[in-house]
C-alpha atoms as a PDB file:
ATOM      1  CA  MET A   1      58.577  75.592 161.890  1.00  0.00           C
ATOM      2  CA  VAL A   2      55.635  76.336 160.391  1.00  0.00           C
ATOM      3  CA  GLY A   3      53.236  73.305 160.860  1.00  0.00           C
ATOM      4  CA  TYR A   4      50.158  72.396 159.467  1.00  0.00           C
ATOM      5  CA  LYS A   5      47.784  74.767 157.515  1.00  0.00           C
ATOM      6  CA  ASN A   6      44.709  73.978 155.465  1.00  0.00           C
ATOM      7  CA  ILE A   7      43.287  71.288 157.757  1.00  0.00           C
ATOM      8  CA  ASP A   8      41.509  71.181 160.949  1.00  0.00           C
ATOM      9  CA  LYS A   9      43.651  69.735 163.724  1.00  0.00           C
ATOM     10  CA  GLU A  10      41.866  67.171 166.047  1.00  0.00           C
ATOM     11  CA  GLU A  11      39.168  65.913 163.842  1.00  0.00           C
ATOM     12  CA  ILE A  12      39.094  62.199 162.184  1.00  0.00           C
ATOM     13  CA  LEU A  13      39.828  63.189 158.256  1.00  0.00           C
ATOM     14  CA  GLU A  14      39.194  61.460 155.206  1.00  0.00           C
ATOM     15  CA  LEU A  15      42.174  63.016 153.561  1.00  0.00           C
ATOM     16  CA  LYS A  16      40.718  62.445 149.812  1.00  0.00           C
ATOM     17  CA  ASN A  17      37.434  65.005 151.089  1.00  0.00           C
ATOM     18  CA  LEU A  18      40.215  67.683 151.354  1.00  0.00           C
ATOM     19  CA  VAL A  19      40.600  68.189 147.562  1.00  0.00           C
ATOM     20  CA  VAL A  20      38.060  68.284 144.567  1.00  0.00           C
ATOM     21  CA  TYR A  21      37.910  67.678 141.454  1.00  0.00           C
ATOM     22  CA  GLN A  22      38.000  70.412 138.391  1.00  0.00           C
ATOM     23  CA  GLU A  23      37.661  69.587 135.114  1.00  0.00           C
ATOM     24  CA  GLY A  24      40.490  70.128 132.465  1.00  0.00           C
ATOM     25  CA  GLN A  25      42.332  70.095 136.024  1.00  0.00           C
ATOM     26  CA  VAL A  26      45.125  69.537 138.544  1.00  0.00           C
ATOM     27  CA  VAL A  27      43.925  70.978 141.981  1.00  0.00           C
ATOM     28  CA  SER A  28      46.935  70.876 144.794  1.00  0.00           C
ATOM     29  CA  LYS A  29      46.038  71.624 148.523  1.00  0.00           C
ATOM     30  CA  THR A  30      48.953  72.395 150.506  1.00  0.00           C
ATOM     31  CA  LEU A  31      49.307  71.166 153.436  1.00  0.00           C
ATOM     32  CA  VAL A  32      52.801  71.618 154.728  1.00  0.00           C
ATOM     33  CA  GLN A  33      55.310  73.837 153.465  1.00  0.00           C
ATOM     34  CA  ASN A  34      58.883  74.408 154.735  1.00  0.00           C
ATOM     35  CA  SER A  35      62.670  73.901 155.301  1.00  0.00           C
ATOM     36  CA  ALA A  36      62.781  70.064 155.576  1.00  0.00           C
ATOM     37  CA  VAL A  37      59.141  68.685 154.434  1.00  0.00           C
ATOM     38  CA  SER A  38      55.884  69.400 151.840  1.00  0.00           C
ATOM     39  CA  VAL A  39      52.627  67.350 152.462  1.00  0.00           C
ATOM     40  CA  THR A  40      50.368  68.255 149.447  1.00  0.00           C
ATOM     41  CA  LEU A  41      47.260  66.445 148.731  1.00  0.00           C
ATOM     42  CA  PHE A  42      46.033  66.324 144.412  1.00  0.00           C
ATOM     43  CA  ALA A  43      43.165  65.834 142.226  1.00  0.00           C
ATOM     44  CA  PHE A  44      43.690  64.981 138.315  1.00  0.00           C
ATOM     45  CA  GLU A  45      40.845  64.806 135.787  1.00  0.00           C
ATOM     46  CA  LYS A  46      41.646  61.681 133.359  1.00  0.00           C
ATOM     47  CA  ASP A  47      44.448  62.631 130.878  1.00  0.00           C
ATOM     48  CA  GLU A  48      45.787  65.722 133.270  1.00  0.00           C
ATOM     49  CA  GLU A  49      49.096  65.694 133.880  1.00  0.00           C
ATOM     50  CA  ILE A  50      51.879  67.231 136.042  1.00  0.00           C
ATOM     51  CA  SER A  51      55.088  67.088 133.264  1.00  0.00           C
ATOM     52  CA  THR A  52      58.866  66.043 133.814  1.00  0.00           C
ATOM     53  CA  HIS A  53      60.867  67.693 136.597  1.00  0.00           C
ATOM     54  CA  GLU A  54      62.944  66.870 139.603  1.00  0.00           C
ATOM     55  CA  SER A  55      62.429  67.295 143.031  1.00  0.00           C
ATOM     56  CA  GLY A  56      65.491  68.039 145.412  1.00  0.00           C
ATOM     57  CA  GLY A  57      64.319  65.902 148.132  1.00  0.00           C
ATOM     58  CA  ASP A  58      62.370  62.452 147.947  1.00  0.00           C
ATOM     59  CA  ALA A  59      59.155  62.328 147.077  1.00  0.00           C
ATOM     60  CA  MET A  60      56.561  59.779 148.224  1.00  0.00           C
ATOM     61  CA  VAL A  61      53.437  59.775 146.893  1.00  0.00           C
ATOM     62  CA  THR A  62      49.678  58.094 148.085  1.00  0.00           C
ATOM     63  CA  VAL A  63      46.906  57.279 145.567  1.00  0.00           C
ATOM     64  CA  LEU A  64      43.535  57.743 147.853  1.00  0.00           C
ATOM     65  CA  GLU A  65      41.087  57.119 145.048  1.00  0.00           C
ATOM     66  CA  GLY A  66      41.444  55.951 140.969  1.00  0.00           C
ATOM     67  CA  THR A  67      44.615  54.894 139.245  1.00  0.00           C
ATOM     68  CA  GLY A  68      47.339  57.370 138.655  1.00  0.00           C
ATOM     69  CA  ARG A  69      50.675  57.056 136.486  1.00  0.00           C
ATOM     70  CA  PHE A  70      53.867  57.290 138.036  1.00  0.00           C
ATOM     71  CA  THR A  71      56.579  57.406 135.496  1.00  0.00           C
ATOM     72  CA  ILE A  72      60.020  57.575 137.689  1.00  0.00           C
ATOM     73  CA  ASP A  73      63.716  58.075 135.067  1.00  0.00           C
ATOM     74  CA  GLY A  74      61.797  57.218 132.650  1.00  0.00           C
ATOM     75  CA  ARG A  75      60.674  53.641 134.451  1.00  0.00           C
ATOM     76  CA  GLU A  76      55.826  53.432 134.252  1.00  0.00           C
ATOM     77  CA  HIS A  77      54.482  52.851 137.739  1.00  0.00           C
ATOM     78  CA  ILE A  78      50.328  52.545 137.797  1.00  0.00           C
ATOM     79  CA  LEU A  79      49.070  52.616 141.285  1.00  0.00           C
ATOM     80  CA  LYS A  80      45.283  52.174 142.821  1.00  0.00           C
ATOM     81  CA  ALA A  81      43.996  52.938 145.464  1.00  0.00           C
ATOM     82  CA  GLY A  82      46.039  51.777 148.524  1.00  0.00           C
ATOM     83  CA  GLN A  83      49.199  51.786 146.634  1.00  0.00           C
ATOM     84  CA  SER A  84      52.452  54.320 147.447  1.00  0.00           C
ATOM     85  CA  ILE A  85      55.450  54.479 145.199  1.00  0.00           C
ATOM     86  CA  VAL A  86      58.700  56.946 146.168  1.00  0.00           C
ATOM     87  CA  MET A  87      60.315  58.887 143.695  1.00  0.00           C
ATOM     88  CA  PRO A  88      64.097  59.784 144.270  1.00  0.00           C
ATOM     89  CA  ALA A  89      65.138  63.132 144.609  1.00  0.00           C
ATOM     90  CA  ARG A  90      67.319  64.633 141.758  1.00  0.00           C
ATOM     91  CA  LYS A  91      65.919  61.943 139.309  1.00  0.00           C
ATOM     92  CA  PRO A  92      63.254  62.907 136.473  1.00  0.00           C
ATOM     93  CA  HIS A  93      59.248  62.247 137.356  1.00  0.00           C
ATOM     94  CA  ALA A  94      55.946  62.980 136.186  1.00  0.00           C
ATOM     95  CA  VAL A  95      52.371  62.125 137.549  1.00  0.00           C
ATOM     96  CA  TYR A  96      49.211  61.423 134.905  1.00  0.00           C
ATOM     97  CA  GLY A  97      45.811  60.755 135.472  1.00  0.00           C
ATOM     98  CA  GLU A  98      44.686  57.124 134.103  1.00  0.00           C
ATOM     99  CA  GLU A  99      41.805  58.051 135.334  1.00  0.00           C
ATOM    100  CA  ARG A 100      40.239  60.548 137.979  1.00  0.00           C
ATOM    101  CA  PHE A 101      42.555  60.292 141.414  1.00  0.00           C
ATOM    102  CA  LYS A 102      43.536  62.047 143.897  1.00  0.00           C
ATOM    103  CA  MET A 103      46.951  61.378 145.890  1.00  0.00           C
ATOM    104  CA  LEU A 104      49.146  61.965 148.404  1.00  0.00           C
ATOM    105  CA  LEU A 105      52.674  63.776 147.837  1.00  0.00           C
ATOM    106  CA  MET A 106      55.216  63.482 150.462  1.00  0.00           C
ATOM    107  CA  VAL A 107      58.414  65.214 150.198  1.00  0.00           C
ATOM    108  CA  VAL A 108      61.034  64.840 152.677  1.00  0.00           C
ATOM    109  CA  PHE A 109      64.411  67.486 152.177  1.00  0.00           C
END
C-alpha cells in the first residue's frame, strides 16, 4: 500500500494551510489514495460545490475553516470549523460552500 504523498513528514502541520483557495473553483489535494482509504484536503470558494454523487466507502469530513453545507440523502447539514460528519457509503451526498471553507475528507472503503 502507498502511504502519504504531497505532505511533509515529521513536521508539525496546519492542514488548512496545505490547500489554497482559487476563485471560482473547488481545489483538492490528495494526501492518501489506495484501495483501503482516501484522504483529501479541499478548499471551496463561496457558492462552489461538488454535485450529488455516491461513494463506495464511508466518508468523514471535518471542516477546517469557514462554513460548508453537506446534503446527505436529501437532508442538509451546516458545519463550521471543527465540526465533522460521516456520509455513509452508497448514500447520495453533495457539498456546497456557504462561504469560503476548507475541509479534510477521509473515505474508508
